[in-house]
N, C-alpha and C. Protein backbone atom coordinates (compact mmCIF):
# COMPACT_ATOMS: atom_id res chain seq x y z
N MET A 1 0.10 25.85 0.75
CA MET A 1 -0.41 24.60 0.24
C MET A 1 0.00 24.38 -1.22
N GLU A 2 -0.08 25.42 -2.03
CA GLU A 2 0.24 25.20 -3.44
C GLU A 2 1.69 24.80 -3.65
N ASN A 3 2.56 25.18 -2.72
CA ASN A 3 3.96 24.80 -2.86
C ASN A 3 4.16 23.30 -2.68
N ILE A 4 3.40 22.69 -1.83
CA ILE A 4 3.53 21.25 -1.59
C ILE A 4 3.15 20.46 -2.84
N TYR A 5 2.07 20.82 -3.48
CA TYR A 5 1.56 20.06 -4.62
C TYR A 5 2.26 20.41 -5.92
N SER A 6 2.88 21.56 -5.99
CA SER A 6 3.51 21.95 -7.24
C SER A 6 4.94 21.45 -7.37
N GLU A 7 5.52 20.96 -6.29
CA GLU A 7 6.88 20.46 -6.37
C GLU A 7 6.91 19.15 -7.16
N GLU A 8 7.92 19.04 -7.98
CA GLU A 8 8.05 17.84 -8.81
C GLU A 8 8.69 16.73 -7.98
N GLN A 9 8.12 15.56 -8.06
CA GLN A 9 8.70 14.42 -7.35
C GLN A 9 9.69 13.75 -8.28
N ARG A 10 10.92 13.68 -7.86
CA ARG A 10 11.97 13.15 -8.72
C ARG A 10 12.25 11.68 -8.48
N THR A 11 11.95 11.18 -7.31
CA THR A 11 12.23 9.78 -7.04
C THR A 11 10.93 8.99 -6.98
N VAL A 12 10.92 7.89 -7.70
CA VAL A 12 9.76 7.01 -7.71
C VAL A 12 10.25 5.62 -7.38
N LYS A 13 9.68 5.03 -6.34
CA LYS A 13 10.07 3.68 -5.95
C LYS A 13 9.08 2.69 -6.54
N THR A 14 9.59 1.68 -7.19
CA THR A 14 8.71 0.64 -7.71
C THR A 14 8.51 -0.40 -6.61
N VAL A 15 7.30 -0.87 -6.52
CA VAL A 15 6.96 -1.84 -5.49
C VAL A 15 6.69 -3.17 -6.17
N LYS A 16 7.30 -4.21 -5.64
CA LYS A 16 7.07 -5.54 -6.19
C LYS A 16 6.23 -6.32 -5.20
N ALA A 17 5.07 -6.77 -5.68
CA ALA A 17 4.17 -7.53 -4.82
C ALA A 17 4.52 -9.01 -4.92
N ARG A 18 4.31 -9.72 -3.81
CA ARG A 18 4.53 -11.16 -3.83
C ARG A 18 3.40 -11.84 -4.57
N ARG A 19 3.64 -13.02 -5.08
CA ARG A 19 2.64 -13.77 -5.82
C ARG A 19 1.44 -14.09 -4.93
N GLU A 20 1.66 -14.35 -3.65
CA GLU A 20 0.57 -14.65 -2.72
C GLU A 20 -0.37 -13.45 -2.57
N THR A 21 0.20 -12.25 -2.55
CA THR A 21 -0.61 -11.05 -2.42
C THR A 21 -1.49 -10.84 -3.66
N ILE A 22 -0.91 -11.05 -4.82
CA ILE A 22 -1.67 -10.90 -6.06
C ILE A 22 -2.78 -11.93 -6.13
N ASP A 23 -2.48 -13.17 -5.76
CA ASP A 23 -3.51 -14.22 -5.78
C ASP A 23 -4.63 -13.92 -4.81
N PHE A 24 -4.29 -13.40 -3.63
CA PHE A 24 -5.31 -13.05 -2.64
C PHE A 24 -6.22 -11.95 -3.16
N LEU A 25 -5.64 -10.90 -3.74
CA LEU A 25 -6.45 -9.79 -4.24
C LEU A 25 -7.33 -10.21 -5.41
N LEU A 26 -6.81 -11.05 -6.28
CA LEU A 26 -7.62 -11.52 -7.41
C LEU A 26 -8.78 -12.39 -6.94
N SER A 27 -8.52 -13.29 -6.01
CA SER A 27 -9.60 -14.15 -5.53
C SER A 27 -10.63 -13.36 -4.74
N TYR A 28 -10.18 -12.36 -3.98
CA TYR A 28 -11.11 -11.51 -3.24
C TYR A 28 -11.99 -10.71 -4.20
N SER A 29 -11.39 -10.15 -5.24
CA SER A 29 -12.18 -9.34 -6.18
C SER A 29 -13.17 -10.20 -6.96
N LYS A 30 -12.84 -11.46 -7.18
CA LYS A 30 -13.78 -12.35 -7.87
C LYS A 30 -14.93 -12.76 -6.96
N SER A 31 -14.73 -12.70 -5.64
CA SER A 31 -15.77 -13.14 -4.72
C SER A 31 -16.75 -12.03 -4.33
N ILE A 32 -16.50 -10.80 -4.77
CA ILE A 32 -17.38 -9.68 -4.43
C ILE A 32 -18.51 -9.57 -5.44
N LYS A 33 -19.70 -9.41 -4.93
CA LYS A 33 -20.88 -9.20 -5.78
C LYS A 33 -21.58 -7.94 -5.28
N VAL A 34 -21.94 -7.07 -6.21
CA VAL A 34 -22.64 -5.83 -5.88
C VAL A 34 -24.12 -6.03 -6.17
N VAL A 35 -24.94 -5.77 -5.15
CA VAL A 35 -26.38 -5.93 -5.27
C VAL A 35 -27.03 -4.56 -5.20
N ASP A 36 -27.84 -4.24 -6.20
CA ASP A 36 -28.60 -2.99 -6.20
C ASP A 36 -29.97 -3.24 -5.61
N TYR A 37 -30.32 -2.42 -4.62
CA TYR A 37 -31.65 -2.52 -4.01
C TYR A 37 -32.18 -1.11 -3.84
N LYS A 38 -33.18 -0.79 -4.60
CA LYS A 38 -33.76 0.56 -4.64
C LYS A 38 -32.66 1.57 -4.94
N LYS A 39 -32.35 2.46 -4.04
CA LYS A 39 -31.31 3.47 -4.28
C LYS A 39 -29.99 3.11 -3.60
N HIS A 40 -29.87 1.90 -3.11
CA HIS A 40 -28.68 1.50 -2.37
C HIS A 40 -27.91 0.42 -3.11
N LYS A 41 -26.61 0.40 -2.89
CA LYS A 41 -25.76 -0.65 -3.43
C LYS A 41 -25.10 -1.36 -2.26
N PHE A 42 -25.17 -2.68 -2.28
CA PHE A 42 -24.57 -3.49 -1.24
C PHE A 42 -23.48 -4.36 -1.84
N GLU A 43 -22.35 -4.43 -1.17
CA GLU A 43 -21.27 -5.31 -1.59
C GLU A 43 -21.32 -6.56 -0.74
N VAL A 44 -21.44 -7.70 -1.38
CA VAL A 44 -21.54 -8.97 -0.68
C VAL A 44 -20.31 -9.79 -1.02
N THR A 45 -19.67 -10.34 -0.01
CA THR A 45 -18.53 -11.22 -0.23
C THR A 45 -19.03 -12.65 -0.20
N LEU A 46 -18.83 -13.36 -1.29
CA LEU A 46 -19.28 -14.74 -1.39
C LEU A 46 -18.16 -15.66 -0.90
N ASN A 47 -18.41 -16.32 0.21
CA ASN A 47 -17.41 -17.25 0.75
C ASN A 47 -17.83 -18.66 0.49
């Protein structure tokens, strides 16, 4: 196992996201609200 994690990764691929994907993720993150109730946290999506 230690051999797998200790090897250096030499190639890194850059990923380019489309503008539609970025807009979707931003609007989704703005619509999420976290509600604390006693010892629980609930994530609510506001549509």
